[in-house]
Amino acid sequence: MIGWLQGQLADRWQQASRCSLLLVCGGVGYEVQMPRRQWDRLGEAGSALSLHIHQVIREDAWTLYGFASRAERDLFRELVAVSGVGPQMALGLLGQLSCEELVRAIVQADLRLLTQAPGVGKRTAERLAVELRTRLQERFGSSADPEDTADLSLTANGETQALPNAVRDEVSLTLTALGYEALEINRALRAVAALQSPEIEAADDWLRECLRWLSRSQAA
């Protein structure tokens, strides 16, 4: 498998939404597709270039996808592992948002931002948030804003009360569907967690209390 290439940029072109280049390494030219954000920043023909590569081998084609950093390539691999997300959609997401912005949008279930990428609908954005949130937080934790993605656990009398990830995901997606922004949702979740009420346990309880807090904050 090809994992990294270093050579000279020989040519670059765009066909529909696909951005590609020809990278010459040791007398061999490799056609590589890449995200639009990186493609736009390519140098002139003949300039030195190195790329981290994801290779897809099929019966009818061998396709190379190139990325400026290993982190971006690894994030691409996480994206295409989600059902319904192919290489072109993953490139579209990375072409629309930086690696850090994309991780933050998925972790915060920011559907509005995710659906700005070409071909990404609401259901796909929800699937990305549900399937990747925990894994991306563990793998790319430094890319997310610590204030907005902090664990909603509080300590009282030596005991810790935490909001399960499944409940947080369900509440966040519901509130996002109702039109609330990611920052508002995270503030509401932290405010409800601070109540330390034993009656707030199920997702419906969290949703009800979050809506109450959001209503009060908007009226203030």
N, C-alpha and C. Protein backbone atom coordinates (compact mmCIF):
# COMPACT_ATOMS: atom_id res chain seq x y z
N MET A 1 0.84 -1.21 0.00
CA MET A 1 0.00 0.00 0.00
C MET A 1 0.87 1.26 0.00
N ILE A 2 0.44 2.27 -0.74
CA ILE A 2 1.15 3.54 -0.77
C ILE A 2 0.64 4.40 0.38
N GLY A 3 1.54 4.85 1.26
CA GLY A 3 1.15 5.65 2.40
C GLY A 3 1.69 7.06 2.37
N TRP A 4 2.72 7.31 1.55
CA TRP A 4 3.33 8.65 1.51
C TRP A 4 4.07 8.80 0.20
N LEU A 5 4.00 9.98 -0.40
CA LEU A 5 4.70 10.26 -1.64
C LEU A 5 5.41 11.60 -1.54
N GLN A 6 6.62 11.67 -2.10
CA GLN A 6 7.38 12.91 -2.15
C GLN A 6 7.92 13.08 -3.56
N GLY A 7 7.68 14.24 -4.15
CA GLY A 7 8.16 14.46 -5.50
C GLY A 7 7.94 15.88 -5.94
N GLN A 8 7.69 16.05 -7.25
CA GLN A 8 7.47 17.38 -7.82
C GLN A 8 6.07 17.47 -8.42
N LEU A 9 5.44 18.61 -8.21
CA LEU A 9 4.13 18.85 -8.79
C LEU A 9 4.29 19.08 -10.29
N ALA A 10 3.68 18.23 -11.10
CA ALA A 10 3.79 18.36 -12.55
C ALA A 10 2.58 19.05 -13.17
N ASP A 11 1.39 18.81 -12.61
CA ASP A 11 0.18 19.38 -13.18
C ASP A 11 -0.92 19.34 -12.12
N ARG A 12 -1.94 20.14 -12.32
CA ARG A 12 -3.10 20.15 -11.44
C ARG A 12 -4.33 20.49 -12.27
N TRP A 13 -5.48 19.93 -11.91
CA TRP A 13 -6.69 20.18 -12.67
C TRP A 13 -7.91 19.91 -11.79
N GLN A 14 -9.04 20.46 -12.25
CA GLN A 14 -10.31 20.25 -11.56
C GLN A 14 -11.33 19.75 -12.55
N GLN A 15 -12.00 18.66 -12.21
CA GLN A 15 -13.06 18.09 -13.04
C GLN A 15 -14.32 17.98 -12.20
N ALA A 16 -15.31 18.81 -12.53
CA ALA A 16 -16.50 18.95 -11.69
C ALA A 16 -16.04 19.36 -10.29
N SER A 17 -16.38 18.60 -9.26
CA SER A 17 -15.98 18.97 -7.90
C SER A 17 -14.68 18.29 -7.47
N ARG A 18 -14.08 17.49 -8.35
CA ARG A 18 -12.87 16.74 -7.99
C ARG A 18 -11.62 17.54 -8.31
N CYS A 19 -10.78 17.70 -7.31
CA CYS A 19 -9.51 18.43 -7.47
C CYS A 19 -8.37 17.43 -7.46
N SER A 20 -7.58 17.43 -8.53
CA SER A 20 -6.53 16.42 -8.68
C SER A 20 -5.21 17.06 -9.05
N LEU A 21 -4.15 16.27 -8.91
CA LEU A 21 -2.82 16.72 -9.30
C LEU A 21 -2.02 15.53 -9.80
N LEU A 22 -0.94 15.83 -10.51
CA LEU A 22 0.01 14.81 -10.95
C LEU A 22 1.31 15.04 -10.21
N LEU A 23 1.71 14.07 -9.41
CA LEU A 23 2.93 14.16 -8.61
C LEU A 23 3.96 13.20 -9.19
N VAL A 24 5.10 13.73 -9.62
CA VAL A 24 6.16 12.92 -10.22
C VAL A 24 7.18 12.53 -9.16
N CYS A 25 7.32 11.23 -8.96
CA CYS A 25 8.26 10.69 -7.96
C CYS A 25 9.16 9.67 -8.63
N GLY A 26 10.44 10.00 -8.76
CA GLY A 26 11.40 9.06 -9.35
C GLY A 26 11.05 8.67 -10.77
N GLY A 27 10.54 9.60 -11.54
CA GLY A 27 10.21 9.33 -12.93
C GLY A 27 8.85 8.72 -13.15
N VAL A 28 8.10 8.52 -12.08
CA VAL A 28 6.75 7.96 -12.19
C VAL A 28 5.74 9.02 -11.76
N GLY A 29 4.69 9.21 -12.55
CA GLY A 29 3.68 10.21 -12.23
C GLY A 29 2.46 9.57 -11.57
N TYR A 30 2.08 10.09 -10.41
CA TYR A 30 0.92 9.57 -9.67
C TYR A 30 -0.21 10.60 -9.70
N GLU A 31 -1.38 10.17 -10.13
CA GLU A 31 -2.55 11.04 -10.07
C GLU A 31 -3.17 10.93 -8.67
N VAL A 32 -3.35 12.08 -8.03
CA VAL A 32 -3.82 12.11 -6.64
C VAL A 32 -4.97 13.10 -6.52
N GLN A 33 -6.05 12.68 -5.87
CA GLN A 33 -7.15 13.60 -5.54
C GLN A 33 -6.92 14.16 -4.15
N MET A 34 -7.37 15.38 -3.91
CA MET A 34 -7.17 16.00 -2.61
C MET A 34 -8.28 17.00 -2.30
N PRO A 35 -8.43 17.40 -1.02
CA PRO A 35 -9.45 18.39 -0.66
C PRO A 35 -9.20 19.73 -1.33
N ARG A 36 -10.27 20.44 -1.62
CA ARG A 36 -10.18 21.72 -2.33
C ARG A 36 -9.33 22.73 -1.56
N ARG A 37 -9.45 22.77 -0.23
CA ARG A 37 -8.69 23.75 0.55
C ARG A 37 -7.19 23.59 0.32
N GLN A 38 -6.71 22.37 0.27
CA GLN A 38 -5.28 22.12 0.06
C GLN A 38 -4.90 22.32 -1.41
N TRP A 39 -5.79 21.91 -2.30
CA TRP A 39 -5.53 22.05 -3.73
C TRP A 39 -5.35 23.52 -4.11
N ASP A 40 -6.16 24.39 -3.49
CA ASP A 40 -6.06 25.82 -3.78
C ASP A 40 -4.71 26.40 -3.36
N ARG A 41 -4.04 25.76 -2.41
CA ARG A 41 -2.78 26.30 -1.89
C ARG A 41 -1.55 25.67 -2.54
N LEU A 42 -1.75 24.86 -3.56
CA LEU A 42 -0.61 24.23 -4.23
C LEU A 42 0.28 25.27 -4.90
N GLY A 43 1.59 24.96 -4.96
CA GLY A 43 2.54 25.86 -5.60
C GLY A 43 2.52 25.73 -7.11
N GLU A 44 3.53 26.29 -7.73
CA GLU A 44 3.66 26.24 -9.18
C GLU A 44 4.16 24.87 -9.62
N ALA A 45 3.97 24.56 -10.90
CA ALA A 45 4.49 23.32 -11.46
C ALA A 45 6.00 23.25 -11.25
N GLY A 46 6.48 22.10 -10.84
CA GLY A 46 7.90 21.92 -10.56
C GLY A 46 8.26 22.08 -9.10
N SER A 47 7.32 22.57 -8.28
CA SER A 47 7.60 22.75 -6.86
C SER A 47 7.59 21.42 -6.12
N ALA A 48 8.39 21.33 -5.06
CA ALA A 48 8.47 20.12 -4.28
C ALA A 48 7.18 19.94 -3.46
N LEU A 49 6.76 18.69 -3.33
CA LEU A 49 5.51 18.41 -2.63
C LEU A 49 5.57 17.01 -2.02
N SER A 50 5.11 16.89 -0.79
CA SER A 50 4.99 15.58 -0.14
C SER A 50 3.58 15.46 0.40
N LEU A 51 3.01 14.27 0.29
CA LEU A 51 1.62 14.03 0.68
C LEU A 51 1.48 12.71 1.42
N HIS A 52 0.64 12.71 2.44
CA HIS A 52 0.23 11.47 3.08
C HIS A 52 -0.90 10.90 2.24
N ILE A 53 -0.84 9.62 1.95
CA ILE A 53 -1.72 9.01 0.96
C ILE A 53 -2.65 7.97 1.57
N HIS A 54 -3.90 8.01 1.12
CA HIS A 54 -4.85 6.92 1.37
C HIS A 54 -5.13 6.27 0.03
N GLN A 55 -4.90 4.97 -0.08
CA GLN A 55 -5.05 4.27 -1.34
C GLN A 55 -6.29 3.37 -1.30
N VAL A 56 -7.09 3.48 -2.34
CA VAL A 56 -8.28 2.64 -2.48
C VAL A 56 -8.09 1.76 -3.72
N ILE A 57 -8.16 0.44 -3.53
CA ILE A 57 -7.96 -0.51 -4.62
C ILE A 57 -9.29 -1.20 -4.91
N ARG A 58 -9.74 -1.04 -6.14
CA ARG A 58 -10.95 -1.72 -6.61
C ARG A 58 -10.64 -2.46 -7.89
N GLU A 59 -11.59 -3.27 -8.34
CA GLU A 59 -11.37 -4.06 -9.54
C GLU A 59 -11.11 -3.19 -10.76
N ASP A 60 -11.79 -2.05 -10.83
CA ASP A 60 -11.70 -1.23 -12.03
C ASP A 60 -10.77 -0.03 -11.88
N ALA A 61 -10.22 0.20 -10.69
CA ALA A 61 -9.37 1.38 -10.52
C ALA A 61 -8.58 1.33 -9.22
N TRP A 62 -7.40 1.96 -9.24
CA TRP A 62 -6.61 2.24 -8.04
C TRP A 62 -6.63 3.75 -7.88
N THR A 63 -7.13 4.24 -6.76
CA THR A 63 -7.28 5.67 -6.56
C THR A 63 -6.47 6.12 -5.36
N LEU A 64 -5.77 7.25 -5.51
CA LEU A 64 -4.96 7.82 -4.43
C LEU A 64 -5.58 9.13 -3.96
N TYR A 65 -5.67 9.29 -2.65
CA TYR A 65 -6.15 10.53 -2.04
C TYR A 65 -5.02 11.10 -1.19
N GLY A 66 -4.68 12.37 -1.42
CA GLY A 66 -3.52 12.96 -0.76
C GLY A 66 -3.89 14.05 0.24
N PHE A 67 -3.08 14.13 1.31
CA PHE A 67 -3.35 15.09 2.39
C PHE A 67 -2.04 15.68 2.89
N ALA A 68 -2.10 16.94 3.30
CA ALA A 68 -0.90 17.64 3.73
C ALA A 68 -0.36 17.11 5.05
N SER A 69 -1.23 16.55 5.88
CA SER A 69 -0.79 16.04 7.19
C SER A 69 -1.36 14.65 7.43
N ARG A 70 -0.70 13.94 8.32
CA ARG A 70 -1.18 12.61 8.68
C ARG A 70 -2.52 12.70 9.40
N ALA A 71 -2.71 13.74 10.22
CA ALA A 71 -3.97 13.90 10.95
C ALA A 71 -5.15 14.02 9.99
N GLU A 72 -4.97 14.77 8.90
CA GLU A 72 -6.05 14.93 7.92
C GLU A 72 -6.35 13.61 7.23
N ARG A 73 -5.29 12.85 6.90
CA ARG A 73 -5.51 11.54 6.29
C ARG A 73 -6.25 10.61 7.25
N ASP A 74 -5.86 10.63 8.52
CA ASP A 74 -6.51 9.76 9.50
C ASP A 74 -7.97 10.16 9.70
N LEU A 75 -8.26 11.47 9.67
CA LEU A 75 -9.64 11.92 9.79
C LEU A 75 -10.44 11.49 8.57
N PHE A 76 -9.85 11.55 7.39
CA PHE A 76 -10.49 11.07 6.17
C PHE A 76 -10.87 9.61 6.32
N ARG A 77 -9.98 8.81 6.87
CA ARG A 77 -10.25 7.38 7.05
C ARG A 77 -11.39 7.16 8.04
N GLU A 78 -11.47 7.99 9.07
CA GLU A 78 -12.59 7.89 10.02
C GLU A 78 -13.91 8.23 9.30
N LEU A 79 -13.89 9.24 8.45
CA LEU A 79 -15.11 9.67 7.76
C LEU A 79 -15.63 8.59 6.83
N VAL A 80 -14.76 8.00 6.02
CA VAL A 80 -15.22 7.02 5.03
C VAL A 80 -15.64 5.70 5.68
N ALA A 81 -15.30 5.53 6.96
CA ALA A 81 -15.74 4.32 7.67
C ALA A 81 -17.20 4.41 8.10
N VAL A 82 -17.78 5.61 8.02
CA VAL A 82 -19.19 5.81 8.39
C VAL A 82 -20.06 5.41 7.21
N SER A 83 -21.12 4.67 7.49
CA SER A 83 -22.05 4.21 6.45
C SER A 83 -22.63 5.40 5.70
N GLY A 84 -22.57 5.34 4.38
CA GLY A 84 -23.13 6.40 3.55
C GLY A 84 -22.17 7.52 3.22
N VAL A 85 -20.96 7.48 3.77
CA VAL A 85 -19.95 8.51 3.49
C VAL A 85 -18.85 7.92 2.62
N GLY A 86 -18.81 8.34 1.37
CA GLY A 86 -17.78 7.87 0.46
C GLY A 86 -16.60 8.83 0.39
N PRO A 87 -15.58 8.48 -0.39
CA PRO A 87 -14.39 9.34 -0.49
C PRO A 87 -14.69 10.76 -0.96
N GLN A 88 -15.61 10.93 -1.93
CA GLN A 88 -15.89 12.27 -2.43
C GLN A 88 -16.58 13.14 -1.39
N MET A 89 -17.48 12.55 -0.60
CA MET A 89 -18.13 13.32 0.45
C MET A 89 -17.12 13.68 1.54
N ALA A 90 -16.24 12.74 1.87
CA ALA A 90 -15.21 13.01 2.87
C ALA A 90 -14.28 14.12 2.40
N LEU A 91 -13.91 14.10 1.11
CA LEU A 91 -13.09 15.18 0.57
C LEU A 91 -13.83 16.50 0.61
N GLY A 92 -15.15 16.45 0.36
CA GLY A 92 -15.95 17.66 0.42
C GLY A 92 -15.97 18.27 1.80
N LEU A 93 -16.08 17.42 2.83
CA LEU A 93 -16.05 17.90 4.21
C LEU A 93 -14.71 18.53 4.54
N LEU A 94 -13.62 17.87 4.16
CA LEU A 94 -12.28 18.39 4.44
C LEU A 94 -11.94 19.58 3.54
N GLY A 95 -12.64 19.70 2.42
CA GLY A 95 -12.45 20.85 1.56
C GLY A 95 -13.21 22.07 2.05
N GLN A 96 -14.29 21.84 2.80
CA GLN A 96 -15.11 22.92 3.33
C GLN A 96 -14.58 23.44 4.65
N LEU A 97 -14.07 22.52 5.49
CA LEU A 97 -13.63 22.86 6.85
C LEU A 97 -12.22 22.37 7.09
N SER A 98 -11.49 23.08 7.93
CA SER A 98 -10.18 22.61 8.34
C SER A 98 -10.35 21.37 9.21
N CYS A 99 -9.27 20.65 9.43
CA CYS A 99 -9.31 19.45 10.26
C CYS A 99 -9.88 19.77 11.64
N GLU A 100 -9.40 20.85 12.24
CA GLU A 100 -9.85 21.23 13.58
C GLU A 100 -11.32 21.63 13.58
N GLU A 101 -11.75 22.39 12.57
CA GLU A 101 -13.14 22.81 12.48
C GLU A 101 -14.08 21.63 12.29
N LEU A 102 -13.65 20.66 11.48
CA LEU A 102 -14.48 19.49 11.21
C LEU A 102 -14.63 18.62 12.44
N VAL A 103 -13.54 18.39 13.15
CA VAL A 103 -13.61 17.60 14.39
C VAL A 103 -14.54 18.29 15.38
N ARG A 104 -14.40 19.60 15.53
CA ARG A 104 -15.23 20.34 16.48
C ARG A 104 -16.71 20.26 16.08
N ALA A 105 -16.98 20.38 14.78
CA ALA A 105 -18.37 20.33 14.31
C ALA A 105 -19.00 18.96 14.59
N ILE A 106 -18.23 17.90 14.41
CA ILE A 106 -18.76 16.56 14.65
C ILE A 106 -18.94 16.32 16.14
N VAL A 107 -17.96 16.70 16.94
CA VAL A 107 -18.03 16.50 18.39
C VAL A 107 -19.20 17.28 18.99
N GLN A 108 -19.46 18.48 18.48
CA GLN A 108 -20.53 19.33 19.00
C GLN A 108 -21.86 19.09 18.30
N ALA A 109 -21.88 18.13 17.34
CA ALA A 109 -23.10 17.85 16.57
C ALA A 109 -23.63 19.13 15.92
N ASP A 110 -22.73 19.90 15.33
CA ASP A 110 -23.11 21.14 14.67
C ASP A 110 -23.59 20.81 13.25
N LEU A 111 -24.86 20.41 13.13
CA LEU A 111 -25.40 19.97 11.86
C LEU A 111 -25.42 21.08 10.83
N ARG A 112 -25.67 22.31 11.28
CA ARG A 112 -25.70 23.44 10.35
C ARG A 112 -24.38 23.59 9.62
N LEU A 113 -23.28 23.45 10.34
CA LEU A 113 -21.96 23.59 9.73
C LEU A 113 -21.62 22.38 8.86
N LEU A 114 -21.96 21.19 9.32
CA LEU A 114 -21.64 19.98 8.56
C LEU A 114 -22.38 19.95 7.23
N THR A 115 -23.63 20.40 7.23
CA THR A 115 -24.42 20.34 6.00
C THR A 115 -24.03 21.40 4.97
N GLN A 116 -23.09 22.26 5.30
CA GLN A 116 -22.58 23.22 4.32
C GLN A 116 -21.66 22.55 3.31
N ALA A 117 -21.14 21.37 3.65
CA ALA A 117 -20.27 20.64 2.74
C ALA A 117 -21.10 20.03 1.61
N PRO A 118 -20.57 19.98 0.39
CA PRO A 118 -21.35 19.46 -0.75
C PRO A 118 -21.75 18.00 -0.55
N GLY A 119 -23.03 17.72 -0.77
CA GLY A 119 -23.53 16.36 -0.70
C GLY A 119 -23.89 15.87 0.68
N VAL A 120 -23.67 16.67 1.71
CA VAL A 120 -23.94 16.25 3.09
C VAL A 120 -25.32 16.76 3.51
N GLY A 121 -26.25 15.83 3.69
CA GLY A 121 -27.58 16.19 4.15
C GLY A 121 -27.69 16.06 5.66
N LYS A 122 -28.86 16.39 6.17
CA LYS A 122 -29.06 16.40 7.62
C LYS A 122 -28.87 15.01 8.22
N ARG A 123 -29.41 13.98 7.58
CA ARG A 123 -29.30 12.63 8.12
C ARG A 123 -27.86 12.16 8.16
N THR A 124 -27.10 12.48 7.11
CA THR A 124 -25.69 12.10 7.09
C THR A 124 -24.93 12.84 8.18
N ALA A 125 -25.22 14.12 8.36
CA ALA A 125 -24.57 14.90 9.42
C ALA A 125 -24.88 14.31 10.79
N GLU A 126 -26.13 13.90 11.01
CA GLU A 126 -26.50 13.28 12.28
C GLU A 126 -25.74 11.98 12.49
N ARG A 127 -25.61 11.19 11.42
CA ARG A 127 -24.89 9.92 11.51
C ARG A 127 -23.42 10.15 11.85
N LEU A 128 -22.82 11.15 11.25
CA LEU A 128 -21.44 11.48 11.56
C LEU A 128 -21.28 11.83 13.03
N ALA A 129 -22.18 12.65 13.54
CA ALA A 129 -22.10 13.08 14.94
C ALA A 129 -22.29 11.90 15.90
N VAL A 130 -23.25 11.05 15.60
CA VAL A 130 -23.54 9.93 16.50
C VAL A 130 -22.42 8.89 16.48
N GLU A 131 -21.93 8.55 15.28
CA GLU A 131 -20.96 7.46 15.16
C GLU A 131 -19.53 7.88 15.49
N LEU A 132 -19.20 9.15 15.27
CA LEU A 132 -17.79 9.55 15.39
C LEU A 132 -17.49 10.41 16.60
N ARG A 133 -18.50 10.94 17.27
CA ARG A 133 -18.24 11.92 18.33
C ARG A 133 -17.26 11.42 19.37
N THR A 134 -17.54 10.28 19.97
CA THR A 134 -16.69 9.77 21.05
C THR A 134 -15.30 9.41 20.52
N ARG A 135 -15.25 8.75 19.35
CA ARG A 135 -13.97 8.32 18.81
C ARG A 135 -13.08 9.51 18.45
N LEU A 136 -13.67 10.55 17.87
CA LEU A 136 -12.88 11.72 17.50
C LEU A 136 -12.41 12.49 18.73
N GLN A 137 -13.25 12.52 19.77
CA GLN A 137 -12.84 13.19 21.00
C GLN A 137 -11.61 12.50 21.60
N GLU A 138 -11.59 11.17 21.52
CA GLU A 138 -10.46 10.41 22.06
C GLU A 138 -9.22 10.56 21.19
N ARG A 139 -9.42 10.57 19.87
CA ARG A 139 -8.28 10.56 18.95
C ARG A 139 -7.75 11.95 18.63
N PHE A 140 -8.65 12.93 18.51
CA PHE A 140 -8.26 14.28 18.14
C PHE A 140 -8.69 15.27 19.22
N GLY A 141 -8.59 14.86 20.46
CA GLY A 141 -9.11 15.67 21.56
C GLY A 141 -8.60 17.09 21.58
N SER A 142 -7.35 17.31 21.20
CA SER A 142 -6.77 18.65 21.26
C SER A 142 -7.36 19.57 20.21
N SER A 143 -8.09 19.02 19.22
CA SER A 143 -8.67 19.85 18.17
C SER A 143 -9.98 20.48 18.56
N ALA A 144 -10.57 19.99 19.65
CA ALA A 144 -11.88 20.51 20.07
C ALA A 144 -11.71 21.54 21.16
N ASP A 145 -12.60 22.51 21.16
CA ASP A 145 -12.59 23.55 22.18
C ASP A 145 -12.92 22.94 23.52
N PRO A 146 -12.01 23.01 24.51
CA PRO A 146 -12.26 22.36 25.78
C PRO A 146 -13.48 22.88 26.50
N GLU A 147 -13.82 24.17 26.32
CA GLU A 147 -15.00 24.72 26.99
C GLU A 147 -16.28 24.14 26.42
N ASP A 148 -16.29 23.93 25.10
CA ASP A 148 -17.51 23.48 24.45
C ASP A 148 -17.68 21.98 24.49
N THR A 149 -16.62 21.20 24.76
CA THR A 149 -16.70 19.76 24.72
C THR A 149 -16.35 19.14 26.05
N ALA A 150 -16.36 19.93 27.11
CA ALA A 150 -15.99 19.41 28.42
C ALA A 150 -16.95 18.33 28.86
N ASP A 151 -16.43 17.33 29.59
CA ASP A 151 -17.26 16.28 30.14
C ASP A 151 -18.23 16.87 31.13
N LEU A 152 -19.49 16.54 30.98
CA LEU A 152 -20.51 17.10 31.86
C LEU A 152 -20.62 16.25 33.11
N SER A 153 -19.58 16.27 33.94
CA SER A 153 -19.60 15.54 35.19
C SER A 153 -19.30 16.51 36.31
N LEU A 154 -20.02 16.38 37.41
CA LEU A 154 -19.88 17.27 38.54
C LEU A 154 -19.64 16.46 39.80
N THR A 155 -18.88 17.00 40.71
CA THR A 155 -18.58 16.29 41.94
C THR A 155 -19.32 16.93 43.10
N ALA A 156 -20.02 16.13 43.86
CA ALA A 156 -20.76 16.63 45.02
C ALA A 156 -20.66 15.59 46.13
N ASN A 157 -20.21 16.01 47.30
CA ASN A 157 -20.07 15.09 48.45
C ASN A 157 -19.23 13.87 48.10
N GLY A 158 -18.20 14.11 47.30
CA GLY A 158 -17.28 13.04 46.97
C GLY A 158 -17.77 12.09 45.90
N GLU A 159 -18.97 12.32 45.35
CA GLU A 159 -19.51 11.45 44.32
C GLU A 159 -19.62 12.22 43.01
N THR A 160 -19.46 11.50 41.91
CA THR A 160 -19.50 12.13 40.59
C THR A 160 -20.76 11.74 39.85
N GLN A 161 -21.45 12.74 39.33
CA GLN A 161 -22.65 12.51 38.52
C GLN A 161 -22.30 12.90 37.09
N ALA A 162 -22.45 11.98 36.13
CA ALA A 162 -22.03 12.24 34.76
C ALA A 162 -23.20 12.08 33.80
N LEU A 163 -23.13 12.79 32.69
CA LEU A 163 -24.12 12.66 31.63
C LEU A 163 -23.60 11.64 30.63
N PRO A 164 -24.27 10.50 30.47
CA PRO A 164 -23.81 9.48 29.51
C PRO A 164 -23.74 10.04 28.10
N ASN A 165 -22.76 9.57 27.32
CA ASN A 165 -22.59 10.07 25.96
C ASN A 165 -23.83 9.86 25.11
N ALA A 166 -24.50 8.70 25.29
CA ALA A 166 -25.68 8.40 24.47
C ALA A 166 -26.79 9.41 24.74
N VAL A 167 -26.96 9.79 26.00
CA VAL A 167 -27.99 10.77 26.35
C VAL A 167 -27.61 12.13 25.80
N ARG A 168 -26.35 12.51 25.97
CA ARG A 168 -25.90 13.81 25.45
C ARG A 168 -26.10 13.89 23.94
N ASP A 169 -25.75 12.81 23.21
CA ASP A 169 -25.90 12.82 21.76
C ASP A 169 -27.36 12.99 21.37
N GLU A 170 -28.26 12.25 22.03
CA GLU A 170 -29.68 12.33 21.70
C GLU A 170 -30.24 13.72 21.96
N VAL A 171 -29.90 14.30 23.11
CA VAL A 171 -30.39 15.62 23.45
C VAL A 171 -29.81 16.67 22.50
N SER A 172 -28.51 16.57 22.21
CA SER A 172 -27.86 17.54 21.32
C SER A 172 -28.47 17.52 19.93
N LEU A 173 -28.70 16.33 19.39
CA LEU A 173 -29.27 16.23 18.05
C LEU A 173 -30.70 16.77 18.01
N THR A 174 -31.48 16.50 19.06
CA THR A 174 -32.84 17.01 19.10
C THR A 174 -32.86 18.53 19.16
N LEU A 175 -32.02 19.11 20.02
CA LEU A 175 -31.98 20.56 20.15
C LEU A 175 -31.45 21.21 18.87
N THR A 176 -30.50 20.56 18.21
CA THR A 176 -29.99 21.08 16.93
C THR A 176 -31.10 21.09 15.89
N ALA A 177 -31.90 20.03 15.87
CA ALA A 177 -33.02 19.96 14.93
C ALA A 177 -34.05 21.05 15.21
N LEU A 178 -34.12 21.51 16.46
CA LEU A 178 -35.04 22.58 16.83
C LEU A 178 -34.48 23.97 16.53
N GLY A 179 -33.23 24.01 16.04
CA GLY A 179 -32.66 25.28 15.61
C GLY A 179 -31.67 25.91 16.56
N TYR A 180 -31.31 25.24 17.63
CA TYR A 180 -30.35 25.81 18.58
C TYR A 180 -28.92 25.58 18.09
N GLU A 181 -28.04 26.53 18.40
CA GLU A 181 -26.64 26.44 18.03
C GLU A 181 -25.89 25.55 19.02
N ALA A 182 -24.72 25.04 18.57
CA ALA A 182 -23.94 24.11 19.39
C ALA A 182 -23.52 24.73 20.72
N LEU A 183 -23.12 26.02 20.70
CA LEU A 183 -22.69 26.68 21.93
C LEU A 183 -23.85 26.80 22.91
N GLU A 184 -25.05 27.15 22.42
CA GLU A 184 -26.22 27.24 23.29
C GLU A 184 -26.53 25.89 23.92
N ILE A 185 -26.43 24.84 23.12
CA ILE A 185 -26.76 23.49 23.61
C ILE A 185 -25.81 23.07 24.71
N ASN A 186 -24.51 23.30 24.51
CA ASN A 186 -23.54 22.89 25.51
C ASN A 186 -23.70 23.69 26.80
N ARG A 187 -24.03 24.96 26.70
CA ARG A 187 -24.27 25.76 27.90
C ARG A 187 -25.50 25.27 28.65
N ALA A 188 -26.55 24.91 27.90
CA ALA A 188 -27.76 24.39 28.53
C ALA A 188 -27.48 23.07 29.23
N LEU A 189 -26.72 22.20 28.61
CA LEU A 189 -26.40 20.90 29.21
C LEU A 189 -25.60 21.08 30.51
N ARG A 190 -24.64 22.01 30.48
CA ARG A 190 -23.86 22.25 31.70
C ARG A 190 -24.73 22.84 32.80
N ALA A 191 -25.67 23.74 32.43
CA ALA A 191 -26.55 24.35 33.41
C ALA A 191 -27.46 23.31 34.06
N VAL A 192 -27.98 22.39 33.26
CA VAL A 192 -28.84 21.34 33.80
C VAL A 192 -28.05 20.38 34.66
N ALA A 193 -26.81 20.07 34.23
CA ALA A 193 -25.97 19.19 35.03
C ALA A 193 -25.69 19.80 36.40
N ALA A 194 -25.59 21.13 36.44
CA ALA A 194 -25.29 21.81 37.71
C ALA A 194 -26.45 21.72 38.70
N LEU A 195 -27.64 21.37 38.22
CA LEU A 195 -28.79 21.25 39.13
C LEU A 195 -28.65 20.06 40.08
N GLN A 196 -27.88 19.05 39.63
CA GLN A 196 -27.65 17.86 40.46
C GLN A 196 -28.97 17.23 40.93
N SER A 197 -29.99 17.21 40.09
CA SER A 197 -31.29 16.68 40.47
C SER A 197 -31.36 15.19 40.15
N PRO A 198 -31.71 14.34 41.12
CA PRO A 198 -31.84 12.90 40.85
C PRO A 198 -33.00 12.58 39.92
N GLU A 199 -33.92 13.54 39.73
CA GLU A 199 -35.06 13.32 38.86
C GLU A 199 -34.70 13.51 37.39
N ILE A 200 -33.52 14.09 37.13
CA ILE A 200 -33.07 14.31 35.75
C ILE A 200 -32.13 13.17 35.38
N GLU A 201 -32.65 12.19 34.68
CA GLU A 201 -31.85 10.99 34.38
C GLU A 201 -31.98 10.59 32.91
N ALA A 202 -33.20 10.40 32.44
CA ALA A 202 -33.41 9.97 31.07
C ALA A 202 -33.22 11.12 30.09
N ALA A 203 -33.08 10.78 28.81
CA ALA A 203 -32.86 11.80 27.78
C ALA A 203 -34.02 12.79 27.74
N ASP A 204 -35.25 12.29 27.92
CA ASP A 204 -36.41 13.19 27.91
C ASP A 204 -36.35 14.21 29.05
N ASP A 205 -35.83 13.77 30.21
CA ASP A 205 -35.69 14.69 31.35
C ASP A 205 -34.69 15.79 31.03
N TRP A 206 -33.54 15.39 30.47
CA TRP A 206 -32.51 16.36 30.11
C TRP A 206 -33.03 17.33 29.05
N LEU A 207 -33.76 16.79 28.08
CA LEU A 207 -34.29 17.64 27.01
C LEU A 207 -35.27 18.66 27.58
N ARG A 208 -36.17 18.21 28.45
CA ARG A 208 -37.16 19.12 29.05
C ARG A 208 -36.48 20.24 29.83
N GLU A 209 -35.48 19.89 30.66
CA GLU A 209 -34.81 20.90 31.47
C GLU A 209 -33.95 21.83 30.61
N CYS A 210 -33.34 21.30 29.57
CA CYS A 210 -32.55 22.15 28.67
C CYS A 210 -33.44 23.17 27.97
N LEU A 211 -34.61 22.73 27.54
CA LEU A 211 -35.54 23.65 26.88
C LEU A 211 -36.00 24.73 27.85
N ARG A 212 -36.23 24.36 29.11
CA ARG A 212 -36.61 25.36 30.11
C ARG A 212 -35.50 26.38 30.29
N TRP A 213 -34.25 25.89 30.39
CA TRP A 213 -33.12 26.80 30.60
C TRP A 213 -32.93 27.71 29.39
N LEU A 214 -33.06 27.15 28.20
CA LEU A 214 -32.89 27.95 26.99
C LEU A 214 -33.99 29.01 26.86
N SER A 215 -35.19 28.65 27.25
CA SER A 215 -36.30 29.63 27.21
C SER A 215 -36.04 30.77 28.17
N ARG A 216 -35.56 30.44 29.38
CA ARG A 216 -35.28 31.49 30.36
C ARG A 216 -34.11 32.38 29.92
N SER A 217 -33.08 31.77 29.33
CA SER A 217 -31.91 32.54 28.92
C SER A 217 -32.26 33.48 27.77
N GLN A 218 -33.15 33.06 26.88
CA GLN A 218 -33.54 33.92 25.76
C GLN A 218 -34.45 35.05 26.21
N ALA A 219 -35.22 34.77 27.29
CA ALA A 219 -36.14 35.80 27.78
C ALA A 219 -35.42 36.84 28.61
N ALA A 220 -34.24 36.46 29.16
CA ALA A 220 -33.49 37.38 30.03
C ALA A 220 -32.93 38.56 29.24
